[in-house]
Amino acid sequence: MKMLFLRLFLFAFVGCFFTACATVQLNPGAEKIIISSSPLPACLKIKKVIISDPALTATISEKITEFSISIAKNEAFEVGADHAVLTIAQSRPIGSSQVIAEYVACNPI
């Protein structure tokens, strides 16, 4: 019986943790940022950052999450970019993933 309650508690805690981590509100104006997965060579490179996304590492996912997209849009808008190029980088140990975000200006806002 204790084991059942422990499992239920653990399941609820992990679910709540990832739900909380996956919610990032967009700042006003950030919705205009265009997300791309391909480099944009004709654009002015402004900044390159690494976004740590706990959901990527935990699930060993190959898909960029809404969490990372929202963070990238907010940061890109703050630095004056109009595009964010997002890619996933596998790191050691195998299964650990990070999102590389490069903020560029093709049509300055």
Protein backbone atom coordinates (compact mmCIF):
# COMPACT_ATOMS: atom_id res chain seq x y z
CA MET A 1 0.00 0.00 0.00
CA LYS A 2 2.84 2.41 0.85
CA MET A 3 4.48 1.58 -2.44
CA LEU A 4 1.32 2.45 -4.35
CA PHE A 5 1.06 5.86 -2.67
CA LEU A 6 4.76 6.48 -3.25
CA ARG A 7 4.37 5.70 -6.95
CA LEU A 8 1.29 7.94 -7.25
CA PHE A 9 3.07 10.78 -5.45
CA LEU A 10 6.18 10.41 -7.63
CA PHE A 11 4.10 10.32 -10.81
CA ALA A 12 2.15 13.43 -9.76
CA PHE A 13 5.33 15.29 -8.75
CA VAL A 14 7.14 14.53 -12.02
CA GLY A 15 4.05 15.47 -14.05
CA CYS A 16 3.66 18.78 -12.22
CA PHE A 17 7.38 19.52 -12.54
CA PHE A 18 7.40 19.16 -16.32
CA THR A 19 4.11 20.98 -16.73
CA ALA A 20 5.46 23.95 -14.78
CA CYS A 21 8.69 23.96 -16.76
CA ALA A 22 6.84 23.86 -20.06
CA THR A 23 4.93 27.09 -19.50
CA VAL A 24 6.60 30.35 -20.56
CA GLN A 25 4.49 33.38 -21.33
CA LEU A 26 5.41 35.38 -24.44
CA ASN A 27 6.30 39.01 -23.86
CA PRO A 28 4.35 41.58 -25.91
CA GLY A 29 5.86 41.75 -29.39
CA ALA A 30 7.64 38.38 -29.16
CA GLU A 31 4.89 36.65 -31.13
CA LYS A 32 6.27 38.40 -34.26
CA ILE A 33 9.55 36.46 -34.10
CA ILE A 34 9.87 33.84 -36.84
CA ILE A 35 11.31 30.46 -35.81
CA SER A 36 13.47 28.58 -38.30
CA SER A 37 15.60 25.43 -38.23
CA SER A 38 17.75 26.43 -41.20
CA PRO A 39 20.56 29.01 -41.15
CA LEU A 40 19.76 32.38 -42.71
CA PRO A 41 23.06 33.45 -44.32
CA ALA A 42 21.90 36.81 -45.69
CA CYS A 43 20.85 38.05 -42.25
CA LEU A 44 22.80 39.91 -39.56
CA LYS A 45 23.78 37.56 -36.73
CA ILE A 46 23.08 39.21 -33.39
CA LYS A 47 23.52 36.61 -30.67
CA LYS A 48 23.93 32.85 -30.16
CA VAL A 49 22.84 31.18 -26.90
CA ILE A 50 22.16 27.77 -25.41
CA ILE A 51 18.69 27.14 -23.99
CA SER A 52 18.54 24.47 -21.31
CA ASP A 53 15.26 22.63 -21.67
CA PRO A 54 14.64 20.05 -18.91
CA ALA A 55 11.98 18.30 -21.01
CA LEU A 56 14.48 17.57 -23.79
CA THR A 57 16.97 15.92 -21.46
CA ALA A 58 14.33 13.98 -19.56
CA THR A 59 12.58 12.59 -22.62
CA ILE A 60 15.62 12.32 -24.93
CA SER A 61 13.49 14.07 -27.50
CA GLU A 62 14.52 15.18 -30.94
CA LYS A 63 11.76 17.78 -31.10
CA ILE A 64 12.12 21.37 -29.93
CA THR A 65 9.50 22.08 -27.25
CA GLU A 66 7.15 25.04 -26.83
CA PHE A 67 9.22 25.94 -23.75
CA SER A 68 12.34 26.50 -25.89
CA ILE A 69 10.41 28.27 -28.63
CA SER A 70 8.84 30.72 -26.16
CA ILE A 71 12.18 31.49 -24.51
CA ALA A 72 13.80 31.99 -27.93
CA LYS A 73 11.04 34.34 -29.10
CA ASN A 74 11.27 36.43 -25.91
CA GLU A 75 15.08 36.68 -26.05
CA ALA A 76 15.16 37.37 -29.80
CA PHE A 77 12.69 40.23 -29.41
CA GLU A 78 14.73 41.69 -26.52
CA VAL A 79 17.92 41.86 -28.63
CA GLY A 80 16.18 43.29 -31.71
CA ALA A 81 16.17 40.16 -33.88
CA ASP A 82 13.27 39.14 -36.08
CA HIS A 83 14.24 35.48 -36.54
CA ALA A 84 15.43 32.74 -34.20
CA VAL A 85 17.23 29.74 -35.72
CA LEU A 86 16.85 26.75 -33.38
CA THR A 87 18.75 23.48 -33.53
CA ILE A 88 19.20 20.60 -31.08
CA ALA A 89 22.73 19.70 -30.02
CA GLN A 90 23.42 16.31 -28.48
CA SER A 91 25.99 16.45 -25.73
CA ARG A 92 27.73 14.00 -23.44
CA PRO A 93 26.48 11.90 -21.78
CA ILE A 94 24.44 10.56 -24.67
CA GLY A 95 20.82 11.51 -24.26
CA SER A 96 21.52 14.97 -22.91
CA SER A 97 20.19 17.60 -25.32
CA GLN A 98 20.32 21.37 -25.53
CA VAL A 99 18.75 23.86 -27.89
CA ILE A 100 21.14 26.19 -29.71
CA ALA A 101 19.40 29.47 -30.54
CA GLU A 102 20.88 31.98 -32.96
CA TYR A 103 19.11 35.34 -33.13
CA VAL A 104 19.35 37.14 -36.46
CA ALA A 105 17.91 40.28 -38.05
CA CYS A 106 16.74 39.95 -41.63
CA ASN A 107 14.15 42.72 -41.52
CA PRO A 108 14.90 44.81 -38.42
CA ILE A 109 11.85 45.40 -36.24
